[in-house]
Amino acid sequence: MITASNQYRTVSDLMNERKMGLGELIRFTGLDDRVASAIAHQRYTPSPQQRLRVSIALGFPRNWIVWGHLAIVEEYHARV
């Protein structure tokens, strides 16, 4: 059961919960393999149509999926 405290998930969280591999996500969504991989790894923010396709494939409401682009920031020290 989905409750307010546990409703939000990333695509990779949902794939892990459903034991779904990237190949299955690609097959179920019809997305290009590079696009599907980037969405799953939060390197790309999908369009509304892509979000719909992914949410249907995962069987989870698209408004409860975290779609943000995750940027890893590494510490940087400039030489002065």
N, C-alpha and C. Protein backbone atom coordinates (compact mmCIF):
# COMPACT_ATOMS: atom_id res chain seq x y z
N MET A 1 0.82 -1.18 0.00
CA MET A 1 0.00 0.00 0.00
C MET A 1 0.88 1.25 0.00
N ILE A 2 0.53 2.22 -0.82
CA ILE A 2 1.28 3.46 -0.92
C ILE A 2 0.70 4.45 0.09
N THR A 3 1.58 5.00 0.93
CA THR A 3 1.17 6.01 1.90
C THR A 3 1.97 7.27 1.65
N ALA A 4 1.57 8.35 2.28
CA ALA A 4 2.26 9.63 2.10
C ALA A 4 3.73 9.54 2.49
N SER A 5 4.06 8.72 3.46
CA SER A 5 5.44 8.64 3.93
C SER A 5 6.36 7.85 3.01
N ASN A 6 5.80 7.03 2.13
CA ASN A 6 6.66 6.21 1.28
C ASN A 6 6.31 6.30 -0.20
N GLN A 7 5.63 7.34 -0.62
CA GLN A 7 5.13 7.38 -1.98
C GLN A 7 6.18 7.72 -3.04
N TYR A 8 7.16 8.54 -2.73
CA TYR A 8 8.10 9.00 -3.76
C TYR A 8 9.23 8.01 -3.97
N ARG A 9 9.53 7.73 -5.25
CA ARG A 9 10.59 6.79 -5.60
C ARG A 9 11.32 7.31 -6.85
N THR A 10 12.58 6.93 -6.98
CA THR A 10 13.29 7.18 -8.23
C THR A 10 13.00 6.02 -9.18
N VAL A 11 13.31 6.21 -10.43
CA VAL A 11 13.12 5.15 -11.42
C VAL A 11 13.96 3.93 -11.03
N SER A 12 15.20 4.16 -10.63
CA SER A 12 16.05 3.01 -10.27
C SER A 12 15.52 2.30 -9.03
N ASP A 13 14.96 3.04 -8.05
CA ASP A 13 14.34 2.40 -6.88
C ASP A 13 13.22 1.46 -7.32
N LEU A 14 12.36 1.97 -8.20
CA LEU A 14 11.23 1.18 -8.67
C LEU A 14 11.69 -0.02 -9.49
N MET A 15 12.71 0.17 -10.31
CA MET A 15 13.24 -0.95 -11.09
C MET A 15 13.77 -2.03 -10.15
N ASN A 16 14.50 -1.62 -9.10
CA ASN A 16 15.03 -2.59 -8.13
C ASN A 16 13.91 -3.30 -7.40
N GLU A 17 12.89 -2.56 -6.96
CA GLU A 17 11.77 -3.16 -6.25
C GLU A 17 11.04 -4.19 -7.11
N ARG A 18 10.99 -3.94 -8.41
CA ARG A 18 10.26 -4.82 -9.33
C ARG A 18 11.18 -5.84 -10.00
N LYS A 19 12.46 -5.80 -9.63
CA LYS A 19 13.46 -6.69 -10.23
C LYS A 19 13.44 -6.57 -11.76
N MET A 20 13.37 -5.32 -12.22
CA MET A 20 13.32 -5.01 -13.65
C MET A 20 14.70 -4.51 -14.09
N GLY A 21 15.22 -5.12 -15.15
CA GLY A 21 16.48 -4.68 -15.70
C GLY A 21 16.28 -3.58 -16.72
N LEU A 22 17.38 -2.98 -17.14
CA LEU A 22 17.32 -1.90 -18.12
C LEU A 22 16.72 -2.38 -19.44
N GLY A 23 17.04 -3.60 -19.84
CA GLY A 23 16.49 -4.16 -21.08
C GLY A 23 14.97 -4.23 -21.05
N GLU A 24 14.43 -4.61 -19.90
CA GLU A 24 12.97 -4.66 -19.77
C GLU A 24 12.37 -3.27 -19.82
N LEU A 25 13.01 -2.30 -19.16
CA LEU A 25 12.51 -0.93 -19.20
C LEU A 25 12.49 -0.42 -20.64
N ILE A 26 13.54 -0.70 -21.38
CA ILE A 26 13.62 -0.28 -22.79
C ILE A 26 12.50 -0.94 -23.59
N ARG A 27 12.32 -2.23 -23.40
CA ARG A 27 11.29 -2.97 -24.14
C ARG A 27 9.89 -2.49 -23.79
N PHE A 28 9.61 -2.27 -22.51
CA PHE A 28 8.27 -1.86 -22.07
C PHE A 28 7.94 -0.42 -22.45
N THR A 29 8.95 0.44 -22.53
CA THR A 29 8.70 1.86 -22.83
C THR A 29 8.85 2.19 -24.30
N GLY A 30 9.65 1.41 -25.02
CA GLY A 30 9.92 1.74 -26.42
C GLY A 30 10.90 2.89 -26.57
N LEU A 31 11.55 3.28 -25.48
CA LEU A 31 12.51 4.38 -25.55
C LEU A 31 13.85 3.90 -26.09
N ASP A 32 14.60 4.82 -26.65
CA ASP A 32 15.96 4.55 -27.09
C ASP A 32 16.77 4.09 -25.88
N ASP A 33 17.68 3.15 -26.09
CA ASP A 33 18.42 2.60 -24.96
C ASP A 33 19.23 3.64 -24.21
N ARG A 34 19.80 4.61 -24.92
CA ARG A 34 20.58 5.66 -24.24
C ARG A 34 19.68 6.55 -23.39
N VAL A 35 18.50 6.85 -23.90
CA VAL A 35 17.55 7.70 -23.15
C VAL A 35 17.05 6.96 -21.92
N ALA A 36 16.67 5.70 -22.08
CA ALA A 36 16.18 4.91 -20.94
C ALA A 36 17.26 4.78 -19.87
N SER A 37 18.49 4.54 -20.27
CA SER A 37 19.59 4.43 -19.32
C SER A 37 19.81 5.75 -18.59
N ALA A 38 19.79 6.85 -19.32
CA ALA A 38 19.98 8.17 -18.70
C ALA A 38 18.86 8.49 -17.72
N ILE A 39 17.64 8.12 -18.04
CA ILE A 39 16.51 8.35 -17.12
C ILE A 39 16.70 7.51 -15.87
N ALA A 40 17.04 6.24 -16.05
CA ALA A 40 17.19 5.33 -14.91
C ALA A 40 18.32 5.78 -13.97
N HIS A 41 19.34 6.41 -14.52
CA HIS A 41 20.49 6.83 -13.72
C HIS A 41 20.44 8.32 -13.36
N GLN A 42 19.30 8.94 -13.58
CA GLN A 42 19.06 10.35 -13.26
C GLN A 42 20.06 11.30 -13.92
N ARG A 43 20.44 10.97 -15.15
CA ARG A 43 21.33 11.85 -15.92
C ARG A 43 20.53 12.67 -16.93
N TYR A 44 19.23 12.50 -16.93
CA TYR A 44 18.37 13.14 -17.93
C TYR A 44 16.99 13.34 -17.32
N THR A 45 16.41 14.50 -17.54
CA THR A 45 15.05 14.75 -17.09
C THR A 45 14.11 14.51 -18.26
N PRO A 46 13.27 13.49 -18.18
CA PRO A 46 12.43 13.12 -19.32
C PRO A 46 11.29 14.10 -19.59
N SER A 47 10.84 14.07 -20.83
CA SER A 47 9.70 14.87 -21.25
C SER A 47 8.43 14.30 -20.61
N PRO A 48 7.33 15.04 -20.63
CA PRO A 48 6.08 14.51 -20.09
C PRO A 48 5.66 13.19 -20.74
N GLN A 49 5.84 13.05 -22.04
CA GLN A 49 5.47 11.80 -22.73
C GLN A 49 6.37 10.65 -22.29
N GLN A 50 7.66 10.92 -22.14
CA GLN A 50 8.58 9.88 -21.67
C GLN A 50 8.26 9.48 -20.23
N ARG A 51 7.89 10.46 -19.41
CA ARG A 51 7.50 10.16 -18.03
C ARG A 51 6.29 9.24 -17.98
N LEU A 52 5.32 9.51 -18.84
CA LEU A 52 4.13 8.67 -18.90
C LEU A 52 4.49 7.24 -19.28
N ARG A 53 5.34 7.08 -20.30
CA ARG A 53 5.73 5.74 -20.74
C ARG A 53 6.46 4.97 -19.64
N VAL A 54 7.36 5.67 -18.95
CA VAL A 54 8.12 5.02 -17.88
C VAL A 54 7.20 4.67 -16.71
N SER A 55 6.33 5.59 -16.33
CA SER A 55 5.44 5.31 -15.19
C SER A 55 4.50 4.15 -15.48
N ILE A 56 4.02 4.05 -16.71
CA ILE A 56 3.16 2.91 -17.08
C ILE A 56 3.97 1.61 -17.01
N ALA A 57 5.19 1.64 -17.53
CA ALA A 57 6.04 0.45 -17.51
C ALA A 57 6.34 -0.01 -16.07
N LEU A 58 6.47 0.96 -15.17
CA LEU A 58 6.78 0.64 -13.78
C LEU A 58 5.54 0.41 -12.92
N GLY A 59 4.37 0.75 -13.46
CA GLY A 59 3.14 0.57 -12.72
C GLY A 59 3.06 1.45 -11.48
N PHE A 60 3.51 2.68 -11.62
CA PHE A 60 3.57 3.60 -10.49
C PHE A 60 3.15 4.98 -10.98
N PRO A 61 2.38 5.73 -10.18
CA PRO A 61 1.91 7.05 -10.62
C PRO A 61 3.07 7.99 -10.95
N ARG A 62 3.02 8.62 -12.11
CA ARG A 62 4.14 9.47 -12.54
C ARG A 62 4.36 10.67 -11.63
N ASN A 63 3.33 11.13 -10.95
CA ASN A 63 3.49 12.26 -10.03
C ASN A 63 4.24 11.87 -8.76
N TRP A 64 4.43 10.59 -8.54
CA TRP A 64 5.13 10.12 -7.35
C TRP A 64 6.52 9.59 -7.67
N ILE A 65 6.96 9.78 -8.90
CA ILE A 65 8.31 9.38 -9.29
C ILE A 65 9.19 10.62 -9.28
N VAL A 66 10.37 10.48 -8.69
CA VAL A 66 11.33 11.58 -8.64
C VAL A 66 12.05 11.62 -9.99
N TRP A 67 11.83 12.69 -10.75
CA TRP A 67 12.35 12.78 -12.11
C TRP A 67 13.58 13.67 -12.25
N GLY A 68 14.00 14.29 -11.20
CA GLY A 68 15.08 15.27 -11.31
C GLY A 68 16.37 14.73 -11.88
N HIS A 69 17.12 15.64 -12.46
CA HIS A 69 18.44 15.36 -12.99
C HIS A 69 19.42 15.46 -11.82
N LEU A 70 20.11 14.39 -11.54
CA LEU A 70 21.05 14.35 -10.42
C LEU A 70 22.44 14.71 -10.92
N ALA A 71 22.99 15.78 -10.41
CA ALA A 71 24.34 16.19 -10.79
C ALA A 71 25.26 15.99 -9.59
N ILE A 72 26.29 15.20 -9.78
CA ILE A 72 27.26 14.96 -8.72
C ILE A 72 28.25 16.12 -8.73
N VAL A 73 28.40 16.75 -7.59
CA VAL A 73 29.33 17.87 -7.48
C VAL A 73 30.54 17.40 -6.71
N GLU A 74 31.68 17.52 -7.35
CA GLU A 74 32.92 17.12 -6.69
C GLU A 74 33.60 18.36 -6.12
N GLU A 75 34.32 18.15 -5.05
CA GLU A 75 35.03 19.27 -4.45
C GLU A 75 36.10 19.77 -5.41
N TYR A 76 36.19 21.06 -5.52
CA TYR A 76 37.13 21.67 -6.47
C TYR A 76 37.96 22.71 -5.74
N HIS A 77 39.25 22.63 -5.88
CA HIS A 77 40.16 23.62 -5.28
C HIS A 77 40.92 24.30 -6.40
N ALA A 78 40.69 25.58 -6.54
CA ALA A 78 41.38 26.34 -7.58
C ALA A 78 42.76 26.74 -7.08
N ARG A 79 43.70 26.72 -7.99
CA ARG A 79 45.07 27.20 -7.64
C ARG A 79 45.07 28.71 -7.78
N VAL A 80 45.62 29.33 -6.81
CA VAL A 80 45.66 30.80 -6.82
C VAL A 80 47.06 31.27 -7.04
